[in-house]
Amino acid sequence: AALPAAVVAALRFLDEHFSRELSDEQVARAAGISVSHLGGLFRRHVGCGPLRHLQRVRLDRAAHLLRNPYLSLSEIAKACGYRDVNYFTRHFRRAHGLPPARWRRRRSA
């Protein structure tokens, strides 16, 4: 089934602006609908709310960037929208089962 246009617009906005600090209101405005309507559509079609999806996008990008041995964890965290490396590390570990440095070592071995 095709996604509603508002969900497509929100997904595009999140993908294009994943490194910025975003609010539900900004995402809903980009999609052209209310926050509550967007939240319902997202949960129905994506399986989570818009900001939870944004976190997934950020952590997936971080996993990709960790393959580059020349980027520091703080550079990766910042590039993915995290101001605090410790906060980034906690979220990455929760999502991937390992802290970013160990995840990187396993992927390069």
Protein backbone atom coordinates (compact mmCIF):
# COMPACT_ATOMS: atom_id res chain seq x y z
CA ALA A 1 0.00 0.00 0.00
CA ALA A 2 1.24 3.46 -0.87
CA LEU A 3 2.12 5.82 1.95
CA PRO A 4 -0.03 8.93 2.44
CA ALA A 5 1.51 12.05 0.90
CA ALA A 6 1.92 13.66 4.32
CA VAL A 7 4.00 10.71 5.54
CA VAL A 8 6.14 10.81 2.40
CA ALA A 9 6.70 14.56 2.89
CA ALA A 10 7.59 14.06 6.55
CA LEU A 11 9.99 11.19 5.76
CA ARG A 12 11.68 13.31 3.10
CA PHE A 13 11.97 16.24 5.54
CA LEU A 14 13.45 14.01 8.26
CA ASP A 15 15.92 12.48 5.82
CA GLU A 16 17.04 15.89 4.53
CA HIS A 17 17.33 17.51 7.97
CA PHE A 18 18.34 14.57 10.18
CA SER A 19 21.35 16.39 11.63
CA ARG A 20 19.30 19.36 12.87
CA GLU A 21 17.43 19.62 16.13
CA LEU A 22 13.82 19.06 15.09
CA SER A 23 10.46 19.21 16.83
CA ASP A 24 7.20 17.42 16.10
CA GLU A 25 5.79 20.80 15.07
CA GLN A 26 8.46 21.37 12.42
CA VAL A 27 7.94 17.92 10.93
CA ALA A 28 4.15 18.33 10.91
CA ARG A 29 4.48 21.76 9.29
CA ALA A 30 6.70 20.26 6.56
CA ALA A 31 4.05 17.58 6.01
CA GLY A 32 1.23 20.12 5.96
CA ILE A 33 -0.84 18.51 8.73
CA SER A 34 -1.27 18.70 12.50
CA VAL A 35 1.13 17.09 14.95
CA SER A 36 -1.50 14.67 16.23
CA HIS A 37 -2.60 13.63 12.74
CA LEU A 38 1.01 13.10 11.65
CA GLY A 39 1.72 11.05 14.78
CA GLY A 40 -1.24 8.78 14.06
CA LEU A 41 -0.30 8.34 10.41
CA PHE A 42 3.30 7.60 11.31
CA ARG A 43 2.39 5.01 13.89
CA ARG A 44 0.01 3.34 11.44
CA HIS A 45 2.33 3.34 8.41
CA VAL A 46 5.86 3.50 9.83
CA GLY A 47 5.37 1.79 13.18
CA CYS A 48 6.57 4.62 15.41
CA GLY A 49 6.29 8.38 15.82
CA PRO A 50 8.22 10.86 13.64
CA LEU A 51 10.91 11.66 16.22
CA ARG A 52 11.49 7.97 16.99
CA HIS A 53 11.94 7.44 13.25
CA LEU A 54 14.37 10.37 13.19
CA GLN A 55 16.41 8.67 15.89
CA ARG A 56 16.54 5.50 13.77
CA VAL A 57 17.69 7.52 10.75
CA ARG A 58 20.42 9.18 12.81
CA LEU A 59 21.68 5.92 14.28
CA ASP A 60 21.66 4.20 10.88
CA ARG A 61 23.71 7.09 9.47
CA ALA A 62 26.05 6.83 12.44
CA ALA A 63 26.57 3.11 11.79
CA HIS A 64 27.45 3.94 8.19
CA LEU A 65 29.86 6.71 9.22
CA LEU A 66 31.55 4.45 11.77
CA ARG A 67 32.95 2.47 8.84
CA ASN A 68 35.22 5.46 8.17
CA PRO A 69 38.19 5.03 10.53
CA TYR A 70 39.24 8.67 10.05
CA LEU A 71 36.13 10.12 11.69
CA SER A 72 36.10 10.49 15.47
CA LEU A 73 33.09 9.53 17.54
CA SER A 74 32.46 13.19 18.32
CA GLU A 75 32.51 14.07 14.60
CA ILE A 76 30.06 11.27 13.86
CA ALA A 77 27.79 12.22 16.76
CA LYS A 78 27.72 15.85 15.61
CA ALA A 79 27.13 14.89 11.96
CA CYS A 80 24.15 12.80 13.06
CA GLY A 81 22.52 15.50 15.17
CA TYR A 82 23.83 14.60 18.62
CA ARG A 83 25.46 17.41 20.60
CA ASP A 84 26.70 15.11 23.37
CA VAL A 85 28.90 12.09 22.58
CA ASN A 86 27.80 10.28 25.75
CA TYR A 87 24.14 10.70 24.83
CA PHE A 88 24.90 9.44 21.32
CA THR A 89 26.80 6.46 22.75
CA ARG A 90 23.90 5.46 25.03
CA HIS A 91 21.41 5.59 22.15
CA PHE A 92 23.74 3.78 19.76
CA ARG A 93 24.33 1.00 22.29
CA ARG A 94 20.59 0.64 22.89
CA ALA A 95 19.93 0.39 19.14
CA HIS A 96 22.89 -1.76 18.06
CA GLY A 97 23.80 -3.72 21.19
CA LEU A 98 27.34 -2.35 21.39
CA PRO A 99 28.88 1.06 22.05
CA PRO A 100 30.01 2.77 18.83
CA ALA A 101 33.75 2.19 19.35
CA ARG A 102 33.29 -1.56 19.87
CA TRP A 103 30.80 -1.75 16.99
CA ARG A 104 33.41 -0.06 14.77
CA ARG A 105 36.16 -2.50 15.82
CA ARG A 106 33.92 -5.50 15.09
CA ARG A 107 33.03 -4.20 11.64
CA SER A 108 36.65 -3.54 10.71
CA ALA A 109 37.94 -6.91 11.94
